[in-house]
Protein backbone atom coordinates (compact mmCIF):
# COMPACT_ATOMS: atom_id res chain seq x y z
CA MET A 1 18.44 3.78 -24.82
CA ALA A 2 15.80 1.92 -23.94
CA THR A 3 12.22 3.33 -24.52
CA VAL A 4 9.08 3.35 -22.65
CA GLY A 5 5.48 2.73 -23.04
CA VAL A 6 2.92 4.10 -19.90
CA CYS A 7 -0.01 2.42 -19.95
CA LEU A 8 -3.20 2.50 -17.91
CA ILE A 9 -6.74 0.52 -17.79
CA VAL A 10 -9.09 3.50 -16.77
CA LYS A 11 -12.86 3.78 -16.78
CA ASP A 12 -15.43 7.34 -16.14
CA GLU A 13 -11.96 8.99 -15.07
CA GLU A 14 -12.46 12.69 -16.63
CA GLU A 15 -11.72 14.26 -13.59
CA LEU A 16 -8.19 12.92 -13.28
CA LEU A 17 -6.99 11.43 -16.53
CA GLY A 18 -5.56 14.95 -17.60
CA ARG A 19 -3.07 14.91 -14.40
CA ALA A 20 -2.33 11.47 -15.25
CA LEU A 21 -0.80 11.58 -19.03
CA GLY A 22 0.15 15.39 -18.38
CA GLY A 23 3.18 13.96 -16.24
CA LEU A 24 4.52 11.65 -19.01
CA SER A 25 7.21 13.82 -20.61
CA PHE A 26 9.61 10.84 -20.66
CA ALA A 27 7.44 8.34 -21.63
CA ASP A 28 7.78 7.36 -25.87
CA GLU A 29 4.03 5.62 -25.90
CA ILE A 30 1.07 5.72 -23.74
CA VAL A 31 -1.30 3.11 -24.13
CA VAL A 32 -5.17 3.89 -22.27
CA VAL A 33 -6.99 1.30 -22.41
CA ASP A 34 -10.79 1.98 -21.65
CA THR A 35 -12.87 -0.92 -20.32
CA GLY A 36 -16.79 1.28 -20.49
CA SER A 37 -16.23 4.75 -20.14
CA THR A 38 -19.53 6.94 -20.56
CA ASP A 39 -18.32 10.56 -19.43
CA SER A 40 -15.00 11.78 -21.58
CA THR A 41 -12.75 9.64 -20.82
CA LYS A 42 -11.38 8.57 -24.24
CA GLU A 43 -12.06 12.37 -25.54
CA ILE A 44 -9.09 13.50 -22.69
CA ALA A 45 -6.93 10.37 -23.92
CA ALA A 46 -7.13 11.45 -27.13
CA ARG A 47 -4.95 15.15 -26.31
CA PHE A 48 -1.95 12.66 -25.35
CA THR A 49 -1.96 9.20 -27.73
CA ASP A 50 -3.82 7.69 -30.56
CA LYS A 51 -3.41 4.09 -28.60
CA ILE A 52 -6.65 3.89 -26.94
CA TYR A 53 -8.99 1.08 -27.37
CA ASP A 54 -12.17 -0.58 -25.98
CA TYR A 55 -11.83 -3.41 -23.69
CA THR A 56 -14.56 -5.44 -22.34
CA TRP A 57 -14.52 -6.00 -18.76
CA ARG A 58 -14.31 -9.35 -17.13
CA ASP A 59 -14.20 -8.47 -13.38
CA ASP A 60 -10.22 -9.35 -14.31
CA PHE A 61 -7.24 -6.75 -13.71
CA ALA A 62 -5.28 -9.22 -14.31
CA ALA A 63 -5.94 -9.98 -17.73
CA ALA A 64 -7.67 -5.98 -18.35
CA ARG A 65 -3.85 -4.92 -17.67
CA ASN A 66 -2.50 -8.11 -19.50
CA TYR A 67 -4.61 -6.67 -22.74
CA SER A 68 -2.55 -2.99 -22.26
CA PHE A 69 0.65 -4.13 -22.11
CA SER A 70 0.15 -6.20 -25.18
CA LYS A 71 -0.60 -2.79 -26.89
CA GLY A 72 2.22 -1.65 -26.09
CA THR A 73 5.66 -1.84 -28.88
CA ALA A 74 8.20 0.31 -26.38
CA ASP A 75 11.73 -1.61 -24.55
CA TYR A 76 9.48 -0.86 -21.57
CA LEU A 77 6.29 -1.09 -20.66
CA MET A 78 5.33 1.11 -17.37
CA TRP A 79 1.60 0.91 -15.51
CA LEU A 80 0.04 3.36 -14.32
CA ASP A 81 -3.50 4.45 -13.14
CA ALA A 82 -5.85 7.84 -13.67
CA ASP A 83 -5.54 8.70 -9.87
CA ASP A 84 -1.97 9.19 -9.88
CA VAL A 85 0.91 11.60 -10.45
CA VAL A 86 4.60 11.43 -11.64
CA THR A 87 5.70 14.46 -10.16
CA ARG A 88 8.28 16.88 -12.46
CA GLU A 89 11.28 15.59 -10.39
CA ASN A 90 10.34 11.76 -11.11
CA ALA A 91 9.84 12.42 -14.58
CA GLU A 92 13.59 13.20 -14.92
CA LYS A 93 14.26 10.20 -12.57
CA LEU A 94 12.62 8.12 -15.30
CA ALA A 95 13.96 10.00 -18.45
CA ARG A 96 17.44 9.46 -16.92
CA LEU A 97 16.58 6.01 -16.33
CA LYS A 98 16.03 5.08 -19.92
CA GLU A 99 19.98 5.81 -20.40
CA THR A 100 20.78 2.83 -17.96
CA VAL A 101 18.38 0.70 -17.39
CA THR A 102 19.52 -3.03 -17.80
CA GLU A 103 17.66 -4.78 -15.62
CA ASP A 104 14.33 -7.10 -16.14
CA VAL A 105 12.08 -5.23 -13.83
CA VAL A 106 12.33 -1.46 -11.71
CA TYR A 107 10.61 -1.73 -8.44
CA CYS A 108 9.26 2.20 -7.61
CA LEU A 109 8.22 3.30 -4.45
CA TYR A 110 4.88 4.13 -4.31
CA ASP A 111 3.25 6.96 -1.85
CA ALA A 112 -0.49 5.89 -1.16
CA ALA A 113 -0.88 8.18 1.72
CA PHE A 114 -0.11 11.94 3.12
CA ASP A 115 0.19 14.13 5.98
CA ALA A 116 -0.96 17.44 6.30
CA ASP A 117 2.08 18.60 4.97
CA GLY A 118 2.15 16.18 1.39
CA LYS A 119 4.60 14.24 2.93
CA PRO A 120 4.85 10.79 2.53
CA VAL A 121 3.35 8.45 5.45
CA PHE A 122 2.80 5.31 3.90
CA SER A 123 5.03 3.92 1.36
CA TYR A 124 5.77 0.47 -0.39
CA TYR A 125 8.13 -0.76 -3.42
CA ARG A 126 5.84 -2.54 -6.95
CA GLU A 127 6.71 -3.29 -9.72
CA ARG A 128 6.70 -0.33 -11.89
CA LEU A 129 8.97 -0.99 -15.22
CA VAL A 130 8.64 -3.90 -16.82
CA ARG A 131 11.22 -5.02 -19.93
CA ARG A 132 8.22 -6.19 -22.61
CA ASP A 133 8.61 -10.13 -22.28
CA PRO A 134 6.67 -13.05 -22.74
CA ARG A 135 7.46 -13.67 -18.75
CA ALA A 136 5.90 -10.32 -18.37
CA LYS A 137 2.19 -11.81 -17.46
CA TRP A 138 -0.28 -10.21 -14.61
CA VAL A 139 -2.09 -12.60 -11.85
CA GLY A 140 -4.19 -11.93 -9.91
CA PHE A 141 -7.80 -10.37 -10.99
CA VAL A 142 -7.30 -8.29 -8.10
CA HIS A 143 -4.40 -7.15 -6.29
CA GLU A 144 -2.73 -8.38 -9.42
CA CYS A 145 0.67 -7.96 -9.47
CA ILE A 146 3.86 -9.18 -12.32
CA ALA A 147 5.35 -12.36 -10.54
CA PRO A 148 9.31 -11.26 -10.41
CA PHE A 149 11.34 -12.62 -12.89
CA GLY A 150 14.54 -12.06 -14.73
CA LYS A 151 17.21 -9.36 -12.98
CA THR A 152 14.87 -7.15 -10.60
CA THR A 153 16.61 -3.55 -9.23
CA LYS A 154 14.63 -0.96 -6.46
CA SER A 155 14.99 2.99 -7.80
CA ASP A 156 13.91 5.96 -5.60
CA ILE A 157 12.14 7.17 -7.81
CA ARG A 158 8.39 7.52 -6.38
CA ILE A 159 5.30 7.47 -7.57
CA GLU A 160 1.92 9.13 -5.71
CA HIS A 161 -1.44 7.67 -5.66
CA ARG A 162 -3.44 11.01 -5.17
CA PRO A 163 -7.41 9.66 -5.78
CA SER A 164 -9.90 12.69 -5.58
CA GLY A 165 -12.20 10.66 -3.55
CA ARG A 166 -15.33 11.90 -5.63
CA LYS A 167 -15.57 7.82 -6.52
CA ASN A 168 -17.22 5.64 -4.58
CA LYS A 169 -14.73 2.20 -4.83
CA ALA A 170 -16.26 1.12 -1.58
CA GLY A 171 -17.35 -2.95 -1.90
CA ARG A 172 -15.93 -3.15 -5.57
CA ASN A 173 -13.08 -5.95 -4.51
CA LEU A 174 -15.35 -7.29 -2.40
CA GLU A 175 -17.67 -7.65 -5.30
CA ILE A 176 -15.35 -9.48 -7.35
CA TYR A 177 -14.02 -11.86 -5.19
CA LYS A 178 -17.51 -13.04 -3.75
CA LYS A 179 -18.24 -13.02 -8.14
CA ALA A 180 -15.30 -15.50 -8.48
CA ILE A 181 -16.20 -17.69 -5.86
CA ALA A 182 -19.87 -18.17 -6.60
CA ARG A 183 -18.37 -18.71 -10.08
CA GLY A 184 -16.30 -22.24 -8.69
CA THR A 185 -12.73 -19.78 -8.59
CA GLU A 186 -10.70 -21.64 -6.26
CA LEU A 187 -8.86 -18.62 -4.26
CA ASN A 188 -4.79 -19.19 -3.83
CA ALA A 189 -2.93 -18.00 -0.40
CA ARG A 190 -2.85 -14.29 -1.84
CA ASP A 191 -6.40 -14.69 -3.00
CA LEU A 192 -7.15 -15.63 0.32
CA PHE A 193 -5.69 -12.80 1.76
CA TYR A 194 -6.77 -9.75 0.18
CA TYR A 195 -10.16 -11.43 0.20
CA GLY A 196 -9.61 -11.40 4.58
CA ARG A 197 -8.56 -8.09 3.93
CA GLU A 198 -11.73 -6.85 2.10
CA LEU A 199 -14.09 -8.60 4.25
CA VAL A 200 -12.63 -6.69 7.25
CA PHE A 201 -12.74 -3.54 5.84
CA ASN A 202 -16.29 -3.95 4.48
CA GLY A 203 -17.14 -5.32 8.35
CA PHE A 204 -16.92 -8.17 7.67
CA ARG A 205 -14.51 -8.93 10.69
CA GLU A 206 -15.17 -13.12 11.77
CA GLU A 207 -16.07 -13.91 8.35
CA GLY A 208 -12.37 -11.97 7.65
CA ILE A 209 -10.27 -13.54 10.20
CA ALA A 210 -11.80 -17.03 9.19
CA VAL A 211 -10.19 -16.02 5.30
CA ILE A 212 -7.22 -15.27 6.57
CA ARG A 213 -5.95 -17.51 8.52
CA GLU A 214 -7.18 -20.09 5.66
CA ALA A 215 -4.74 -18.40 4.12
CA LEU A 216 -2.13 -19.12 7.22
CA ARG A 217 -2.99 -22.33 6.42
CA LYS A 218 -1.66 -22.46 3.33
CA PRO A 219 1.23 -23.93 1.47
CA ASP A 220 2.28 -21.33 -0.53
CA ALA A 221 1.35 -18.17 1.47
CA PHE A 222 3.77 -15.56 1.46
CA TYR A 223 5.71 -14.75 5.04
CA VAL A 224 5.34 -10.98 4.31
CA ASN A 225 1.46 -12.23 4.26
CA CYS A 226 1.16 -13.87 7.15
CA ILE A 227 2.60 -10.72 9.04
CA GLU A 228 0.20 -8.98 7.27
CA GLY A 229 -2.57 -10.60 8.05
CA LEU A 230 -1.36 -11.44 11.52
CA ASN A 231 -1.83 -7.51 12.46
CA THR A 232 -4.82 -7.28 10.26
CA ILE A 233 -6.06 -9.68 12.34
CA ALA A 234 -5.50 -8.70 15.41
CA GLU A 235 -7.33 -5.34 14.02
CA ALA A 236 -10.13 -7.11 13.90
CA GLU A 237 -10.64 -8.83 17.30
CA ILE A 238 -9.72 -5.55 18.97
CA SER A 239 -12.89 -3.44 17.21
CA LEU A 240 -14.80 -6.93 18.25
CA LYS A 241 -13.51 -5.96 21.75
CA ASN A 242 -11.53 -9.16 22.17
CA PRO A 243 -7.97 -7.92 23.50
CA GLU A 244 -6.17 -11.34 24.14
CA LYS A 245 -7.24 -12.59 20.77
CA ALA A 246 -6.09 -9.62 19.71
CA LYS A 247 -2.09 -9.45 21.35
CA LYS A 248 -2.17 -13.49 20.88
CA SER A 249 -2.80 -12.29 16.99
CA TYR A 250 0.29 -9.71 16.78
CA LEU A 251 3.13 -12.25 19.28
CA GLU A 252 1.59 -14.98 16.25
CA SER A 253 2.77 -12.98 14.06
CA PHE A 254 6.65 -12.90 15.12
CA LEU A 255 6.29 -16.17 13.92
CA PHE A 256 6.80 -14.80 10.43
CA GLY A 257 9.87 -12.66 10.66
CA GLU A 258 11.24 -10.13 12.52
CA PRO A 259 8.68 -7.54 14.80
CA ARG A 260 7.48 -5.45 12.74
CA ALA A 261 6.58 -1.99 15.02
CA ARG A 262 2.84 -2.28 13.57
CA ALA A 263 2.69 -4.96 15.92
CA LEU A 264 4.83 -3.37 18.23
CA ASN A 265 2.74 -0.52 18.84
CA GLY A 266 -0.76 -2.48 19.03
CA ILE A 267 0.90 -4.64 21.84
CA GLY A 268 1.85 -1.35 23.33
CA ARG A 269 -1.24 0.15 23.09
CA LEU A 270 -2.87 -4.02 24.60
CA SER A 271 -0.52 -3.07 27.40
CA ALA A 272 -1.35 0.35 28.13
CA GLU A 273 -5.06 -0.31 27.94
CA ALA A 274 -4.59 -2.86 30.48
CA GLY A 275 -2.75 -0.99 33.03
CA ALA A 276 0.40 -2.51 32.37
CA LEU A 277 2.31 0.66 31.68
CA LYS A 278 6.05 -0.51 32.41
CA GLU A 279 5.38 -3.36 29.38
CA ALA A 280 3.64 -1.28 27.28
CA VAL A 281 6.53 1.08 27.54
CA PHE A 282 9.25 -1.87 26.86
CA TRP A 283 6.99 -2.55 23.38
CA PHE A 284 7.15 1.28 21.60
CA LYS A 285 10.51 1.88 22.46
CA ALA A 286 10.66 -1.90 20.83
CA ALA A 287 9.14 0.01 17.82
CA LEU A 288 11.23 3.05 17.84
CA ASN A 289 13.96 0.34 17.15
CA ALA A 290 12.01 -2.29 14.66
CA ARG A 291 13.92 -2.06 10.98
CA ASP A 292 12.38 -0.55 7.40
CA HIS A 293 10.90 -3.76 5.91
CA SER A 294 9.05 -2.17 3.21
CA SER A 295 11.96 -3.48 0.47
CA GLU A 296 10.05 -7.16 1.27
CA GLY A 297 7.12 -5.96 0.34
CA ASP A 298 5.54 -4.93 3.42
CA PHE A 299 3.05 -2.38 3.67
CA GLU A 300 4.58 -0.62 6.01
CA ARG A 301 4.18 3.18 7.51
CA ALA A 302 7.06 5.45 8.53
CA GLU A 303 5.40 6.75 11.56
CA GLU A 304 4.91 3.16 13.02
CA ARG A 305 8.51 3.51 13.95
CA ALA A 306 9.49 7.06 15.22
CA LEU A 307 6.35 9.55 15.40
CA ILE A 308 3.29 6.96 16.51
CA PRO A 309 5.77 4.99 19.87
CA TYR A 310 6.97 9.05 20.92
CA ILE A 311 3.08 9.84 20.93
CA GLU A 312 2.42 6.78 22.61
CA LEU A 313 5.64 6.52 24.82
CA SER A 314 5.03 10.38 26.29
CA ALA A 315 1.49 9.28 27.22
CA ALA A 316 2.07 6.01 29.03
CA LEU A 317 5.60 7.78 30.58
CA TRP A 318 3.37 10.06 32.51
CA ARG A 319 0.90 7.94 33.17
CA LEU A 320 4.30 6.47 35.13
CA GLY A 321 5.20 9.40 36.82
CA ASP A 322 8.40 10.07 34.92
CA TYR A 323 7.37 13.60 33.28
CA GLU A 324 10.52 14.66 32.46
CA GLY A 325 10.72 11.13 30.34
CA ALA A 326 6.94 12.11 28.76
CA LYS A 327 8.29 15.67 27.52
CA GLU A 328 10.78 14.21 26.16
CA ALA A 329 8.99 11.84 24.18
CA HIS A 330 6.87 14.59 23.23
CA LEU A 331 9.75 17.08 21.88
CA LYS A 332 10.91 14.14 19.81
CA ALA A 333 6.96 13.99 18.29
CA LYS A 334 7.24 17.31 17.28
CA GLU A 335 10.43 17.23 16.07
CA LEU A 336 9.04 14.43 13.56
CA ASN A 337 5.33 16.37 12.82
CA PRO A 338 4.20 19.43 14.79
CA ARG A 339 1.37 19.58 12.69
CA HIS A 340 -0.20 15.81 14.23
CA PRO A 341 -3.24 16.67 16.01
CA SER A 342 -2.18 13.98 19.39
CA VAL A 343 1.51 16.80 18.94
CA ILE A 344 -0.22 19.31 19.65
CA PHE A 345 -2.83 18.25 22.19
CA ASN A 346 0.19 16.70 24.25
CA GLU A 347 1.78 20.46 23.36
CA LYS A 348 -0.76 22.84 25.02
CA PHE A 349 -1.30 19.31 28.09
CA PHE A 350 2.74 20.53 28.38
CA ASP A 351 1.84 24.01 28.34
CA ARG A 352 -0.70 24.71 30.89
């Protein structure tokens, strides 16, 4: 049977660390690397492990992750954040996995957002268990990852990201990027993609668009990042009141791979806002037929392929005078999520 060590890097996580460590019944060792806590983080960690190490923070998440992995001795090393949760069901799956795992890298689903009923609405695959091997090296000082190596597999095991919301991390990553650039660090395509997104998300939309465009021109640009980057550009252009530029960016994403539901819905909304309702219906129906690309590394929301286009279809069809079709689309949306605010609003509208 393989052994598994869980490795965390933490700072001032007294609120959530006990919850994270308390779900690791499958773990053969727990490694906690503290990067400068001033609260009771280390005291809480000591209830679960004696492998607690201090590490001087250097604005480099990959370096800190690599240090945590260097302290692990198990056959497989698994990363976790203090605001992540391993449920009992998934802990049991991990325990069973130890009996059969032979691959070098195991990808698990990362549930990053949930609806009002606690159902995950935004999930994507991340490398989660990695064989302790010299090839298992974290790269990327922000949005770090391990480059795939050896034999890989995807699992149905899920890790939940459940932050409390009390810890303000806004602007942290952007500040790290700016410091790195000031030091003369050269950004590769992946770095530029994430830096551009951080700029957009922090309100520097025009600068962020330019940086993502620079990433697209790099020969090492990953097609999934190109698609995601163009969707981000489109949404930034919408907020800048540039609908035609937004539509072109959505359409440009088709050059890098099969159209994603997010872009199809985006074009549909732009069409509806321009009064091109039949065109809008076409795009929303296309979104309903879009495939799930999360296994390729996409940051996809399942609701973009079902709930959202049904809601949008209901409104567009009603405006076209197809009242029966509009009601049918609403009922489909209601089946998927009766507590969604738009579904509740439409239910009252159709009951008038």
